[in-house]
Amino acid sequence: MPSASKINDETLLDHVETVHIPATTTPFTARDKFVIGTNIRYLGQDFIHWFLSGDGLIEGPADASKLEVASLQVSSTDGPVIKEIGGILYAKTKLTQVFLVLSLESTPRIDSGRHVFFVPQPVTKLDGPQFSYSNNVGELVEEKVSSSEYLFEVDGQWQVLRGVCVRLQNESSFVNAYAINEVGTWRRQSRVYYPGSNAI
């Protein structure tokens, strides 16, 4: 994420379009999809540790869905962006959706562009704002969230929200992930993807 910039009082997000995500009929295994090769040139270490460790994040088949896309009007940290979207429920996406968006021919491939998603990582809840997970080399890592709202339980599984950033250049993708509110800001004109009211 780029260096910090002061946020002003104007609206952060300018809606650009709605992206239609096709249904999937088989489980999505992140380790099998996010592989360095022809289409993916770079995977950041945090993305690997958080989503590809062990068996990797696995998501079940999903119905067709829609994601709203908005352009960030001023550089901003995660919190104000998530708040403007309407909160975590309306902001979080699946890693399946991230991968499918990157596969769409209509997704802009501009050298300076950043595509931003908010994706939950399964973790083990500890005391207070702390949680743990096993990284890609089998080490147990303990962290804590900047705000308790980013650590939540869904269907008996604790999750922590992460920021996933993808830069597309021609036919190649550069993928990384960040802890919420802990590394600088998203730069102006980044494209933010979120379900919005489609999450209900």
Foldseek 3Di string as FASTA:
>chain_A
DDAADDDDDDDFWDWDDKDKFAWFQAKDFPLVQQDPDDQAPAEDQQCQFQAVADSGDIGGTGHIFMKIKIFGAAWDADVVVCVSLPHDLFQADAVSRVSRLLVDPPNDQDQPEKEKGKYKGWWADDPDQKTWDATNVGDIDIDGAPDSSQWDDDPRTIIGIKMWIWHGHDRYIHIYIGGGPPDHTDGGGHMGITRRVRSD
